[in-house]
Amino acid sequence: MRVMFTNSLRKAVGINSIKSLVNRMGALGSKRKEYKIGGDVSARASSDVMVEKVVCKDDEFQDGTMAEFDLGDDGKILLVKENGTYSALGPKCTHYEAPLKNGVLIGGKIRCPWHGACFNSKTGDIEDFPGLDSLPCYEAVVSDGLVKVKAPLSALKSQKRIKPMTKYSHVNPTTYVVIGGGGAGQMCCETLRQEGFSGKLILISKESNPPYDRPKLSKALENKPSAFHLRSEEFYKSGDISLMLDTNVTSIDIKERWIACNNGKLKVKYDGLMIATGGQPIKMEAPGNDLKNIFYLRTPEDANLIAKESAGKNVCIVGSSFIGMEVASYLLGKASSITVIGRSSVPFANVFGKEIGARIKVMFEEKGVVFHYGKDIAKFNGIDGYLNSVELSSGEILPAEVCVVGIGVRPATDFLRDSGIVMTPKGHVIVNEMLETNIKGIYAAGDIIEFPLITYNNVKVNISHWQMALAHGHTAAFNMIGKNVVFHSVPFFWSAMCGKNFRYAGYAPNFEEVIIKGDLESLQFIAYYIKDSKVAAVCTVNKDPEAARFASCMSLGESILKSQIES
C-alpha cells in the first residue's frame, strides 16, 4: 500500500507542504483496496461470541494509512495504522453510513468523505459532526508479523457505539435546562450525560416531536415523523433526560433563575442553562397569505403535508434557498409543474458564486422547472379558502395549488428581549469562544448565536448549519460542567439536488473570486473561494473526499494560497 495524493491536492497545497504535513500528523486517507480475509484464528463462546481473525501482514500495511477489511459473515472493519500502532474500528460513518475507507486520515482523526464528521482514530469517539454516535472500537494486535483483530460479534454487527450516559442521582441537587429541541439541544443533553453530569436534565421544546434530523426534511418529505427522530423514546429514558414538548418558553428571569413557559402558566427552576431555540421562518406579507396550502417547511408534519398536497398539482416555490430548491428537487416527477420565484438572477449566487449558480439553474431547467427571477409575490389568489394562483409583481398570474415559501429565517429569541442577555439588533445572542453569554452560567448555541470562528480570525459570525449546531451543543455541554473548551470546528454543509451532491467546507461570505477546477458542465468539479489571496472555502461535486480533506487541513491551521491553486 502507498500514500495517494490526488492531482487537485497537489495543486491546492503543494506536494512539499503535504509531505511535511504527513510527516508531522499522519497521511491523508484516500480510496484503498478492500482486503478479503478468510479463516478464523479462534472463536470462543461466552455471553457474546468473540471473533478473532488475521487481516493482513504487518510489513504490507503502510504507516499513516487505513483500509477496510471484509471478515466474511462476521462483518467488516476499518484498520488504521498511525505511528506504528494499529486500531480497528467500525468501517462506516455513524451519520449516513459513508465508507470511511474513502475518507481522510490526518492528525489522529478520520473524517467522513460525505459530510465531514470526525472520529478519533484510536478510540472511535465522535469528535466533530454531523452524526451522534461513535465508532465501535476493536482490539488489534501484531503477532508473528500478522495483524489480528479481535472483537465481540455483536460489536462487529452494530456499526455504531453509543457512549455510556450517567444516570440521574438524587444526591446531586443541580438542575440543568436546555431550551430548544434541535441539533444543538440534543447534542448538549447527550454530551452532559456522557461526560458525567448526574443532576436533573430537562430539554424544553415548543415542538410536539422530540429532536429530529432537520436537514432531511427537505430531502425526504414523505417520511413518517418518527423516521426523522434522532433518538428513540427509550434513549431519553435510559439517560434520564426529561423532555418537555409542546412547551413554549416566554421569558427568563436571570436573577431568580426561573424559566416561564406558556405565558407564565408553568415555571421551571434552573442552575445551568443552554439556549438553542433555532430560527423561525420569515412569513410572506402579501394579500391572501392566510390561504390553505401555503407552506413553510419547518417540521415533519409540514414535510408530510407538502408531499401529500403537491402530488399532481402546480407548485410554486418562493425563494431559491436551499430548502426551496431541495423541495423542488424532491417534487420532480411528482408535481404537475414546479415554478421558482426569486429576486436574484441565479440561485445560490452569494454562496456558490454566479457561475455555479447558473449551472444549477440549468440543471433544474433541464428537469422542467421554470424560474421567474427579479420578481415578488404581489398577491395570493384562492377559491373557497384554498390557494389556486399567485400574482407576481410583474402582473403575471401563475397557476398554483400549492406554494412553499423559503425566504429565510430569523432567530427565535423574542423571549430574551428583556432578559439581560446581550443580543445583536437582528436578535442573535452574542457568545464568547466558550459559547457563554454575558450572563455567567448561561450558554447559547446553534442558529441563534454570533460566535467567534477560530478559522476566520475569531471574527464573530452567525452560521446556520446543522453540523455547526451539533458542534456548538457539544462544546457548550463541556463548558457547562467546567471543562473550559474553546469552540473549534470547520463549517461544513451539504445539499442534494437533482441527484447531485454538493459539499461545502469553510467560510467565505465575502469571497473575492471563485476558481473552478474540473468540469462544471458535467458537474464534476472543485470550486475554491478566494479571500485575501487565500482559499477560504471549497465547494465540490463528485470529488469526494476533497471537501473533507480541505476541512481537515483548515482544522489544523493549514493555509492554501491562491497561487498554489493557480499553479
Protein backbone atom coordinates (compact mmCIF):
# COMPACT_ATOMS: atom_id res chain seq x y z
CA MET A 1 0.00 0.00 0.00
CA ARG A 2 1.11 3.57 -0.52
CA VAL A 3 0.02 7.09 0.34
CA MET A 4 -2.01 8.53 -2.53
CA PHE A 5 -2.39 12.21 -3.41
CA THR A 6 -4.91 13.48 -5.94
CA ASN A 7 -3.79 15.96 -8.57
CA SER A 8 -6.14 18.53 -7.11
CA LEU A 9 -4.49 18.18 -3.71
CA ARG A 10 -1.01 18.53 -5.24
CA LYS A 11 -2.12 21.70 -6.94
CA ALA A 12 -4.03 23.01 -3.94
CA VAL A 13 -1.46 22.58 -1.22
CA GLY A 14 1.79 21.74 -2.96
CA ILE A 15 3.37 18.32 -2.62
CA ASN A 16 6.20 19.53 -0.37
CA SER A 17 3.69 21.02 2.07
CA ILE A 18 1.67 17.81 2.04
CA LYS A 19 4.75 15.68 2.67
CA SER A 20 5.61 17.86 5.64
CA LEU A 21 2.06 17.59 6.94
CA VAL A 22 2.14 13.82 6.54
CA ASN A 23 5.42 13.53 8.39
CA ARG A 24 4.04 15.53 11.31
CA MET A 25 0.47 14.35 11.55
CA GLY A 26 -0.09 11.15 9.51
CA ALA A 27 -1.11 10.58 5.93
CA LEU A 28 -4.27 11.72 4.24
CA GLY A 29 -6.68 8.90 3.54
CA SER A 30 -7.86 8.01 0.07
CA LYS A 31 -9.61 5.15 -1.65
CA ARG A 32 -7.99 1.90 -0.57
CA LYS A 33 -8.03 -1.67 -1.70
CA GLU A 34 -10.58 -3.74 0.21
CA TYR A 35 -8.94 -6.89 1.52
CA LYS A 36 -10.94 -10.12 1.57
CA ILE A 37 -9.98 -12.15 4.63
CA GLY A 38 -10.97 -15.74 5.38
CA GLY A 39 -10.40 -18.24 8.16
CA ASP A 40 -10.93 -17.93 11.89
CA VAL A 41 -7.85 -17.79 14.08
CA SER A 42 -10.04 -18.64 17.05
CA ALA A 43 -13.56 -18.18 18.34
CA ARG A 44 -14.92 -18.88 21.78
CA ALA A 45 -18.39 -18.92 23.22
CA SER A 46 -19.37 -16.67 26.11
CA SER A 47 -22.13 -14.19 26.78
CA ASP A 48 -21.08 -12.82 23.39
CA VAL A 49 -19.23 -14.78 20.73
CA MET A 50 -15.70 -13.48 20.24
CA VAL A 51 -14.31 -13.28 16.73
CA GLU A 52 -10.56 -13.31 16.14
CA LYS A 53 -9.12 -13.11 12.63
CA VAL A 54 -5.92 -12.35 10.81
CA VAL A 55 -6.45 -9.41 8.48
CA CYS A 56 -3.05 -8.68 6.92
CA LYS A 57 0.72 -8.85 7.24
CA ASP A 58 2.28 -6.10 9.31
CA ASP A 59 5.02 -5.32 6.79
CA GLU A 60 2.46 -4.88 3.99
CA PHE A 61 0.45 -2.18 5.76
CA GLN A 62 1.99 1.26 5.48
CA ASP A 63 2.07 3.63 8.41
CA GLY A 64 -0.35 6.56 8.21
CA THR A 65 -2.94 4.68 6.17
CA MET A 66 -6.29 2.99 6.63
CA ALA A 67 -8.13 0.22 4.79
CA GLU A 68 -11.34 -1.74 5.04
CA PHE A 69 -11.21 -5.50 5.58
CA ASP A 70 -14.01 -7.97 4.97
CA LEU A 71 -14.36 -10.60 7.68
CA GLY A 72 -16.90 -12.61 5.74
CA ASP A 73 -20.15 -13.30 7.55
CA ASP A 74 -18.83 -11.57 10.67
CA GLY A 75 -18.83 -8.11 9.06
CA LYS A 76 -16.17 -5.57 8.13
CA ILE A 77 -13.63 -3.45 9.99
CA LEU A 78 -11.56 -0.37 9.26
CA LEU A 79 -7.89 -0.91 10.09
CA VAL A 80 -5.80 2.18 10.87
CA LYS A 81 -2.04 2.41 11.38
CA GLU A 82 -0.50 5.55 12.87
CA ASN A 83 2.97 5.89 14.33
CA GLY A 84 3.38 2.13 14.22
CA THR A 85 0.24 1.45 16.25
CA TYR A 86 -2.88 -0.26 14.92
CA SER A 87 -6.50 0.40 15.74
CA ALA A 88 -9.56 -1.37 14.40
CA LEU A 89 -12.86 0.46 14.10
CA GLY A 90 -16.30 0.28 12.54
CA PRO A 91 -15.96 0.95 8.78
CA LYS A 92 -18.95 3.25 8.23
CA CYS A 93 -19.72 6.77 9.36
CA THR A 94 -22.43 6.73 12.00
CA HIS A 95 -24.26 9.60 10.28
CA TYR A 96 -25.38 8.16 6.91
CA GLU A 97 -23.08 5.12 6.65
CA ALA A 98 -20.48 6.56 4.27
CA PRO A 99 -17.49 4.20 3.81
CA LEU A 100 -14.72 5.71 5.91
CA LYS A 101 -12.04 3.98 3.82
CA ASN A 102 -12.75 6.74 1.27
CA GLY A 103 -12.35 9.48 3.84
CA VAL A 104 -9.39 11.40 5.24
CA LEU A 105 -6.95 10.25 7.93
CA ILE A 106 -4.92 13.06 9.41
CA GLY A 107 -3.87 14.26 12.84
CA GLY A 108 -5.36 11.32 14.70
CA LYS A 109 -8.78 11.87 13.16
CA ILE A 110 -10.80 10.13 10.47
CA ARG A 111 -13.05 12.50 8.56
CA CYS A 112 -16.11 11.22 6.69
CA PRO A 113 -15.92 11.82 2.90
CA TRP A 114 -19.58 12.82 2.60
CA HIS A 115 -20.49 15.21 5.40
CA GLY A 116 -17.28 15.81 7.34
CA ALA A 117 -17.97 14.02 10.63
CA CYS A 118 -14.73 13.29 12.55
CA PHE A 119 -13.81 10.29 14.66
CA ASN A 120 -10.81 9.70 16.90
CA SER A 121 -8.65 7.21 15.02
CA LYS A 122 -7.63 5.43 18.24
CA THR A 123 -10.89 5.25 20.19
CA GLY A 124 -13.55 5.75 17.51
CA ASP A 125 -15.13 8.55 19.57
CA ILE A 126 -17.00 11.12 17.51
CA GLU A 127 -15.25 14.49 17.84
CA ASP A 128 -16.89 16.59 15.14
CA PHE A 129 -20.20 16.37 13.43
CA PRO A 130 -22.82 15.61 11.97
CA GLY A 131 -23.81 12.26 13.41
CA LEU A 132 -24.39 11.39 17.05
CA ASP A 133 -22.67 8.09 17.70
CA SER A 134 -19.11 6.87 17.92
CA LEU A 135 -17.50 4.01 16.01
CA PRO A 136 -17.14 0.58 17.58
CA CYS A 137 -13.52 0.01 18.61
CA TYR A 138 -11.94 -3.45 18.45
CA GLU A 139 -8.68 -4.96 19.64
CA ALA A 140 -5.89 -5.03 17.04
CA VAL A 141 -2.57 -6.75 17.77
CA VAL A 142 0.52 -7.85 15.86
CA SER A 143 1.70 -11.42 16.42
CA ASP A 144 4.39 -13.20 14.42
CA GLY A 145 4.23 -10.50 11.77
CA LEU A 146 0.46 -10.82 11.35
CA VAL A 147 -2.17 -8.23 12.25
CA LYS A 148 -5.08 -9.78 14.13
CA VAL A 149 -8.41 -8.24 15.05
CA LYS A 150 -10.43 -9.48 18.00
CA ALA A 151 -13.97 -8.32 18.73
CA PRO A 152 -17.36 -9.40 20.06
CA LEU A 153 -19.59 -10.48 17.20
CA SER A 154 -22.36 -8.12 18.37
CA ALA A 155 -19.99 -5.15 18.12
CA LEU A 156 -18.94 -6.15 14.61
CA LYS A 157 -22.58 -6.25 13.56
CA SER A 158 -23.70 -2.99 15.19
CA GLN A 159 -21.57 -0.38 13.31
CA LYS A 160 -22.43 2.21 15.98
CA ARG A 161 -21.44 2.79 19.58
CA ILE A 162 -23.46 4.97 21.92
CA LYS A 163 -21.31 6.31 24.73
CA PRO A 164 -22.50 5.35 28.24
CA MET A 165 -24.62 8.00 29.92
CA THR A 166 -24.59 8.91 33.59
CA LYS A 167 -27.90 8.36 35.37
CA TYR A 168 -29.63 11.00 37.48
CA SER A 169 -28.62 10.90 41.13
CA HIS A 170 -30.90 12.36 43.80
CA VAL A 171 -27.84 13.40 45.80
CA ASN A 172 -26.97 15.93 43.07
CA PRO A 173 -29.26 18.95 43.63
CA THR A 174 -28.27 20.68 40.36
CA THR A 175 -30.76 21.19 37.53
CA TYR A 176 -29.59 21.96 34.01
CA VAL A 177 -32.12 23.09 31.43
CA VAL A 178 -31.69 23.12 27.66
CA ILE A 179 -34.17 25.25 25.72
CA GLY A 180 -34.62 24.12 22.12
CA GLY A 181 -35.27 20.74 20.54
CA GLY A 182 -32.89 20.99 17.59
CA GLY A 183 -29.48 19.51 16.94
CA ALA A 184 -27.68 21.79 19.39
CA GLY A 185 -30.08 20.98 22.22
CA GLN A 186 -29.94 17.26 21.56
CA MET A 187 -26.15 17.16 21.42
CA CYS A 188 -25.84 19.26 24.57
CA CYS A 189 -28.04 16.87 26.55
CA GLU A 190 -26.23 13.78 25.30
CA THR A 191 -22.80 15.23 26.00
CA LEU A 192 -23.74 16.32 29.52
CA ARG A 193 -24.78 12.78 30.40
CA GLN A 194 -21.82 11.20 28.62
CA GLU A 195 -19.41 13.48 30.48
CA GLY A 196 -20.74 12.61 33.90
CA PHE A 197 -23.43 15.16 34.78
CA SER A 198 -25.73 13.47 37.29
CA GLY A 199 -28.17 16.24 38.17
CA LYS A 200 -31.62 16.79 36.73
CA LEU A 201 -31.56 17.39 32.97
CA ILE A 202 -34.55 18.93 31.19
CA LEU A 203 -34.97 19.69 27.50
CA ILE A 204 -37.78 22.16 26.73
CA SER A 205 -39.13 22.34 23.18
CA LYS A 206 -42.13 24.08 21.68
CA GLU A 207 -42.45 21.26 19.15
CA SER A 208 -44.54 18.13 19.51
CA ASN A 209 -41.72 15.94 18.17
CA PRO A 210 -38.56 15.10 20.07
CA PRO A 211 -35.36 16.37 18.37
CA TYR A 212 -35.23 15.33 14.71
CA ASP A 213 -32.95 15.39 11.67
CA ARG A 214 -33.92 18.78 10.26
CA PRO A 215 -31.76 18.70 7.08
CA LYS A 216 -33.55 15.54 5.99
CA LEU A 217 -36.96 17.25 5.94
CA SER A 218 -36.48 18.84 2.51
CA LYS A 219 -34.91 15.70 1.05
CA ALA A 220 -37.42 13.07 2.19
CA LEU A 221 -40.72 14.86 2.69
CA GLU A 222 -42.79 11.67 2.75
CA ASN A 223 -41.04 10.10 5.76
CA LYS A 224 -43.16 9.47 8.83
CA PRO A 225 -42.35 11.93 11.63
CA SER A 226 -40.81 9.15 13.69
CA ALA A 227 -38.35 8.41 10.87
CA PHE A 228 -36.83 11.86 11.36
CA HIS A 229 -36.36 11.47 15.12
CA LEU A 230 -32.73 11.49 16.23
CA ARG A 231 -33.29 9.19 19.19
CA SER A 232 -35.87 6.73 20.47
CA GLU A 233 -38.07 7.27 23.49
CA GLU A 234 -36.06 4.62 25.28
CA PHE A 235 -32.85 6.60 24.75
CA TYR A 236 -34.18 9.57 26.72
CA LYS A 237 -35.43 7.28 29.47
CA SER A 238 -32.11 5.47 29.74
CA GLY A 239 -30.27 8.78 30.00
CA ASP A 240 -32.74 10.34 32.44
CA ILE A 241 -33.32 13.22 30.02
CA SER A 242 -36.72 14.79 30.69
CA LEU A 243 -38.46 16.06 27.56
CA MET A 244 -40.95 18.90 27.94
CA LEU A 245 -42.54 19.02 24.48
CA ASP A 246 -45.27 21.39 23.28
CA THR A 247 -43.86 23.89 25.76
CA ASN A 248 -43.18 27.47 24.69
CA VAL A 249 -40.69 29.50 26.73
CA THR A 250 -41.99 33.05 27.08
CA SER A 251 -39.45 34.68 29.40
CA ILE A 252 -36.39 34.10 31.59
CA ASP A 253 -35.63 35.62 34.99
CA ILE A 254 -31.83 35.50 35.18
CA LYS A 255 -31.71 36.82 38.76
CA GLU A 256 -34.06 34.25 40.26
CA ARG A 257 -33.16 31.62 37.63
CA TRP A 258 -36.71 30.90 36.59
CA ILE A 259 -37.93 29.98 33.11
CA ALA A 260 -41.54 30.98 32.41
CA CYS A 261 -43.37 28.77 29.93
CA ASN A 262 -46.72 29.09 28.17
CA ASN A 263 -47.18 32.72 29.24
CA GLY A 264 -46.31 32.05 32.87
CA LYS A 265 -48.62 29.07 33.39
CA LEU A 266 -45.57 26.92 34.08
CA LYS A 267 -42.23 27.79 35.68
CA VAL A 268 -39.00 25.79 35.65
CA LYS A 269 -36.09 26.45 38.01
CA TYR A 270 -32.55 26.09 36.67
CA ASP A 271 -28.96 26.14 37.92
CA GLY A 272 -27.34 25.94 34.50
CA LEU A 273 -28.91 26.94 31.19
CA MET A 274 -28.24 26.46 27.48
CA ILE A 275 -30.41 28.22 24.89
CA ALA A 276 -30.70 26.86 21.34
CA THR A 277 -34.13 27.83 20.04
CA GLY A 278 -33.12 28.00 16.37
CA GLY A 279 -34.79 30.04 13.69
CA GLN A 280 -38.35 30.69 12.67
CA PRO A 281 -39.46 31.19 9.06
CA ILE A 282 -39.98 34.69 7.76
CA LYS A 283 -43.61 34.89 6.67
CA MET A 284 -44.95 36.34 3.43
CA GLU A 285 -46.98 39.52 3.90
CA ALA A 286 -48.74 39.56 0.53
CA PRO A 287 -52.56 39.63 0.48
CA GLY A 288 -54.00 36.13 0.68
CA ASN A 289 -51.16 34.78 2.80
CA ASP A 290 -53.66 33.02 5.06
CA LEU A 291 -54.96 30.73 2.32
CA LYS A 292 -54.60 26.99 2.80
CA ASN A 293 -51.74 25.12 1.08
CA ILE A 294 -49.21 27.91 1.62
CA PHE A 295 -46.44 26.11 3.48
CA TYR A 296 -43.33 26.95 5.47
CA LEU A 297 -41.18 23.83 5.87
CA ARG A 298 -40.11 23.56 9.49
CA THR A 299 -41.48 20.33 10.96
CA PRO A 300 -42.01 16.70 9.87
CA GLU A 301 -45.73 17.42 9.68
CA ASP A 302 -45.04 20.33 7.31
CA ALA A 303 -42.95 17.99 5.15
CA ASN A 304 -45.70 15.37 5.04
CA LEU A 305 -48.35 17.92 4.07
CA ILE A 306 -46.21 19.36 1.28
CA ALA A 307 -45.59 15.88 -0.13
CA LYS A 308 -49.27 14.96 0.08
CA GLU A 309 -50.76 18.16 -1.31
CA SER A 310 -48.19 18.62 -4.11
CA ALA A 311 -48.86 15.35 -5.90
CA GLY A 312 -50.17 16.15 -9.37
CA LYS A 313 -50.51 19.87 -8.54
CA ASN A 314 -48.99 23.11 -9.81
CA VAL A 315 -46.40 24.05 -7.19
CA CYS A 316 -44.91 27.49 -6.69
CA ILE A 317 -41.74 27.86 -4.64
CA VAL A 318 -40.92 31.33 -3.35
CA GLY A 319 -37.22 31.86 -2.73
CA SER A 320 -34.30 29.96 -4.23
CA SER A 321 -32.92 28.97 -0.84
CA PHE A 322 -31.55 25.52 -0.09
CA ILE A 323 -34.87 24.49 1.41
CA GLY A 324 -36.78 25.74 -1.62
CA MET A 325 -34.52 24.15 -4.20
CA GLU A 326 -34.29 20.84 -2.33
CA VAL A 327 -38.09 20.73 -2.16
CA ALA A 328 -38.20 21.46 -5.89
CA SER A 329 -35.80 18.57 -6.45
CA TYR A 330 -37.91 16.22 -4.35
CA LEU A 331 -41.09 17.15 -6.23
CA LEU A 332 -39.63 16.41 -9.68
CA GLY A 333 -41.87 13.80 -11.29
CA LYS A 334 -44.46 14.18 -8.53
CA ALA A 335 -45.91 17.66 -9.05
CA SER A 336 -47.64 18.66 -12.29
CA SER A 337 -45.43 21.73 -12.60
CA ILE A 338 -42.81 23.50 -10.50
CA THR A 339 -42.15 27.23 -10.64
CA VAL A 340 -39.46 29.02 -8.64
CA ILE A 341 -39.85 32.73 -7.90
CA GLY A 342 -36.86 34.67 -6.63
CA ARG A 343 -35.19 38.04 -6.56
CA SER A 344 -31.65 37.17 -7.71
CA SER A 345 -30.79 36.17 -11.27
CA VAL A 346 -29.49 32.70 -10.30
CA PRO A 347 -29.83 30.54 -7.17
CA PHE A 348 -27.06 30.46 -4.56
CA ALA A 349 -25.02 33.25 -6.17
CA ASN A 350 -23.99 34.62 -2.77
CA VAL A 351 -22.87 31.17 -1.55
CA PHE A 352 -21.55 29.27 -4.58
CA GLY A 353 -20.94 32.16 -6.97
CA LYS A 354 -22.83 33.16 -10.12
CA GLU A 355 -21.16 30.62 -12.40
CA ILE A 356 -22.10 27.61 -10.29
CA GLY A 357 -25.50 29.14 -9.53
CA ALA A 358 -26.17 29.46 -13.26
CA ARG A 359 -25.23 25.80 -13.79
CA ILE A 360 -27.60 24.75 -11.00
CA LYS A 361 -30.37 26.78 -12.63
CA VAL A 362 -29.79 24.98 -15.94
CA MET A 363 -29.76 21.65 -14.10
CA PHE A 364 -33.27 22.35 -12.83
CA GLU A 365 -34.50 23.78 -16.13
CA GLU A 366 -33.42 20.58 -17.85
CA LYS A 367 -35.85 18.82 -15.49
CA GLY A 368 -38.71 21.16 -16.43
CA VAL A 369 -38.55 23.67 -13.57
CA VAL A 370 -39.48 27.23 -14.61
CA PHE A 371 -37.78 30.24 -12.99
CA HIS A 372 -39.15 33.77 -12.56
CA TYR A 373 -36.36 35.97 -11.23
CA GLY A 374 -36.34 39.59 -10.22
CA LYS A 375 -39.96 39.30 -9.12
CA ASP A 376 -42.00 39.11 -5.92
CA ILE A 377 -45.40 37.73 -4.99
CA ALA A 378 -47.90 40.58 -5.14
CA LYS A 379 -50.94 38.52 -4.18
CA PHE A 380 -52.13 35.01 -3.41
CA ASN A 381 -55.45 34.13 -5.06
CA GLY A 382 -57.77 31.44 -3.80
CA ILE A 383 -61.12 29.70 -4.13
CA ASP A 384 -63.07 28.55 -1.07
CA GLY A 385 -60.10 29.30 1.15
CA TYR A 386 -57.59 27.29 -0.88
CA LEU A 387 -54.77 28.68 -3.00
CA ASN A 388 -55.26 28.41 -6.75
CA SER A 389 -52.87 31.01 -8.25
CA VAL A 390 -50.22 33.60 -7.45
CA GLU A 391 -49.94 37.08 -8.90
CA LEU A 392 -46.41 38.39 -9.46
CA SER A 393 -45.15 41.94 -9.09
CA SER A 394 -44.89 41.97 -12.90
CA GLY A 395 -48.63 41.38 -13.19
CA GLU A 396 -48.33 37.78 -14.36
CA ILE A 397 -50.70 35.26 -12.83
CA LEU A 398 -49.38 31.72 -12.40
CA PRO A 399 -51.48 28.65 -11.56
CA ALA A 400 -50.50 27.31 -8.14
CA GLU A 401 -52.47 24.99 -5.89
CA VAL A 402 -49.50 24.69 -3.53
CA CYS A 403 -46.91 27.27 -2.50
CA VAL A 404 -43.77 26.54 -0.49
CA VAL A 405 -42.15 29.66 0.97
CA GLY A 406 -38.43 29.69 1.75
CA ILE A 407 -37.35 33.31 2.05
CA GLY A 408 -35.20 32.96 5.14
CA VAL A 409 -35.45 32.66 8.90
CA ARG A 410 -34.94 34.91 11.87
CA PRO A 411 -33.67 33.90 15.31
CA ALA A 412 -36.37 32.68 17.68
CA THR A 413 -35.20 34.87 20.54
CA ASP A 414 -38.06 37.29 21.17
CA PHE A 415 -38.49 35.84 24.67
CA LEU A 416 -34.98 37.06 25.54
CA ARG A 417 -35.55 40.74 24.73
CA ASP A 418 -35.88 41.86 28.35
CA SER A 419 -33.77 39.13 29.93
CA GLY A 420 -30.47 41.00 30.19
CA ILE A 421 -28.78 38.64 27.73
CA VAL A 422 -26.94 40.72 25.12
CA MET A 423 -28.10 40.30 21.53
CA THR A 424 -27.47 41.91 18.16
CA PRO A 425 -30.08 44.19 16.55
CA LYS A 426 -31.20 41.17 14.49
CA GLY A 427 -31.80 39.12 17.61
CA HIS A 428 -28.73 36.88 17.60
CA VAL A 429 -27.30 36.04 21.02
CA ILE A 430 -23.67 37.11 21.40
CA VAL A 431 -21.38 34.49 22.95
CA ASN A 432 -17.67 34.13 23.65
CA GLU A 433 -15.25 31.42 22.49
CA MET A 434 -16.74 29.03 25.05
CA LEU A 435 -20.28 29.81 23.86
CA GLU A 436 -21.16 31.58 27.11
CA THR A 437 -23.36 34.66 27.01
CA ASN A 438 -22.69 37.82 29.00
CA ILE A 439 -24.53 36.14 31.88
CA LYS A 440 -22.29 33.67 33.70
CA GLY A 441 -23.62 30.12 33.52
CA ILE A 442 -25.93 30.77 30.56
CA TYR A 443 -24.77 29.36 27.23
CA ALA A 444 -26.26 29.52 23.75
CA ALA A 445 -25.77 27.52 20.56
CA GLY A 446 -26.98 26.89 17.03
CA ASP A 447 -28.67 29.23 14.59
CA ILE A 448 -29.38 31.92 17.19
CA ILE A 449 -25.81 32.85 18.09
CA GLU A 450 -22.98 35.06 16.93
CA PHE A 451 -19.75 33.37 17.94
CA PRO A 452 -16.01 33.80 17.26
CA LEU A 453 -14.99 31.45 14.42
CA ILE A 454 -11.42 30.38 15.08
CA THR A 455 -10.79 29.55 11.41
CA TYR A 456 -11.97 33.04 10.44
CA ASN A 457 -9.61 35.07 12.63
CA ASN A 458 -12.07 34.82 15.53
CA VAL A 459 -14.47 37.23 13.85
CA LYS A 460 -17.96 36.80 15.31
CA VAL A 461 -20.27 35.18 12.79
CA ASN A 462 -23.68 33.55 12.54
CA ILE A 463 -23.68 30.22 10.69
CA SER A 464 -26.91 28.28 10.34
CA HIS A 465 -25.52 24.81 9.55
CA TRP A 466 -26.67 21.54 11.08
CA GLN A 467 -23.06 20.48 11.64
CA MET A 468 -22.31 23.74 13.43
CA ALA A 469 -25.34 23.37 15.70
CA LEU A 470 -24.25 19.91 16.83
CA ALA A 471 -20.69 21.10 17.41
CA HIS A 472 -21.99 24.09 19.39
CA GLY A 473 -24.11 21.87 21.62
CA HIS A 474 -21.15 19.57 22.24
CA THR A 475 -18.83 22.40 23.29
CA ALA A 476 -21.48 24.16 25.38
CA ALA A 477 -22.04 20.97 27.37
CA PHE A 478 -18.34 20.65 28.17
CA ASN A 479 -18.25 24.21 29.44
CA MET A 480 -21.43 23.86 31.48
CA ILE A 481 -19.58 21.28 33.58
CA GLY A 482 -16.44 23.41 33.85
CA LYS A 483 -14.13 21.86 31.26
CA ASN A 484 -13.20 25.20 29.64
CA VAL A 485 -13.21 24.08 26.00
CA VAL A 486 -12.75 26.66 23.24
CA PHE A 487 -15.09 26.12 20.29
CA HIS A 488 -13.16 24.81 17.29
CA SER A 489 -14.88 23.42 14.21
CA VAL A 490 -14.67 24.00 10.47
CA PRO A 491 -18.06 24.86 8.91
CA PHE A 492 -19.32 22.06 6.65
CA PHE A 493 -22.66 21.72 4.90
CA TRP A 494 -24.14 19.72 2.05
CA SER A 495 -27.10 19.74 -0.29
CA ALA A 496 -28.67 17.11 -2.56
CA MET A 497 -30.39 18.38 -5.70
CA CYS A 498 -31.38 16.54 -8.89
CA GLY A 499 -29.30 13.54 -7.88
CA LYS A 500 -26.15 15.62 -7.35
CA ASN A 501 -24.43 16.08 -4.00
CA PHE A 502 -22.90 19.47 -3.23
CA ARG A 503 -20.42 19.65 -0.35
CA TYR A 504 -19.07 22.88 1.11
CA ALA A 505 -16.32 23.33 3.69
CA GLY A 506 -15.01 26.57 5.15
CA TYR A 507 -16.47 30.04 5.43
CA ALA A 508 -16.35 32.68 2.69
CA PRO A 509 -19.26 35.14 2.99
CA ASN A 510 -17.42 37.86 1.07
CA PHE A 511 -15.29 35.89 -1.37
CA GLU A 512 -13.46 37.92 -3.98
CA GLU A 513 -13.01 35.24 -6.62
CA VAL A 514 -14.04 31.68 -7.45
CA ILE A 515 -11.52 29.36 -9.12
CA ILE A 516 -13.15 26.25 -10.57
CA LYS A 517 -11.06 23.15 -11.25
CA GLY A 518 -12.72 20.34 -13.14
CA ASP A 519 -15.76 20.22 -15.41
CA LEU A 520 -18.60 22.49 -14.33
CA GLU A 521 -20.78 21.42 -17.25
CA SER A 522 -20.73 17.76 -16.22
CA LEU A 523 -20.96 18.72 -12.52
CA GLN A 524 -17.64 17.23 -11.51
CA PHE A 525 -15.51 19.96 -10.01
CA ILE A 526 -13.87 21.67 -7.05
CA ALA A 527 -14.51 25.38 -6.56
CA TYR A 528 -12.07 27.39 -4.45
CA TYR A 529 -13.36 30.59 -2.83
CA ILE A 530 -10.62 33.18 -2.56
CA LYS A 531 -10.36 35.92 0.06
CA ASP A 532 -7.18 37.94 0.68
CA SER A 533 -5.22 35.64 -1.68
CA LYS A 534 -6.11 32.54 0.38
CA VAL A 535 -8.65 29.75 -0.04
CA ALA A 536 -11.41 30.45 2.48
CA ALA A 537 -13.77 27.66 1.41
CA VAL A 538 -14.34 24.96 -1.18
CA CYS A 539 -17.41 23.51 -2.89
CA THR A 540 -17.23 20.10 -4.53
CA VAL A 541 -19.45 17.93 -6.70
CA ASN A 542 -18.41 14.34 -7.47
CA LYS A 543 -14.98 15.00 -5.98
CA ASP A 544 -15.11 13.21 -2.64
CA PRO A 545 -13.29 13.44 -0.29
CA GLU A 546 -11.85 16.82 -1.31
CA ALA A 547 -14.22 18.92 0.83
CA ALA A 548 -13.40 16.71 3.83
CA ARG A 549 -9.70 16.97 3.03
CA PHE A 550 -9.87 20.77 2.94
CA ALA A 551 -11.75 20.82 6.26
CA SER A 552 -9.08 18.64 7.85
CA CYS A 553 -6.26 20.89 6.64
CA MET A 554 -8.12 24.02 7.79
CA SER A 555 -8.78 22.46 11.19
CA LEU A 556 -5.02 22.04 11.63
CA GLY A 557 -4.40 25.68 10.77
CA GLU A 558 -3.01 24.97 7.30
CA SER A 559 -3.48 27.76 4.72
CA ILE A 560 -3.83 27.24 0.98
CA LEU A 561 -2.80 30.17 -1.17
CA LYS A 562 -4.45 31.30 -4.37
CA SER A 563 -1.08 30.99 -6.11
CA GLN A 564 -0.94 27.30 -5.21
CA ILE A 565 -4.34 26.71 -6.78
CA GLU A 566 -3.39 28.54 -9.96
CA SER A 567 -0.11 26.66 -10.31
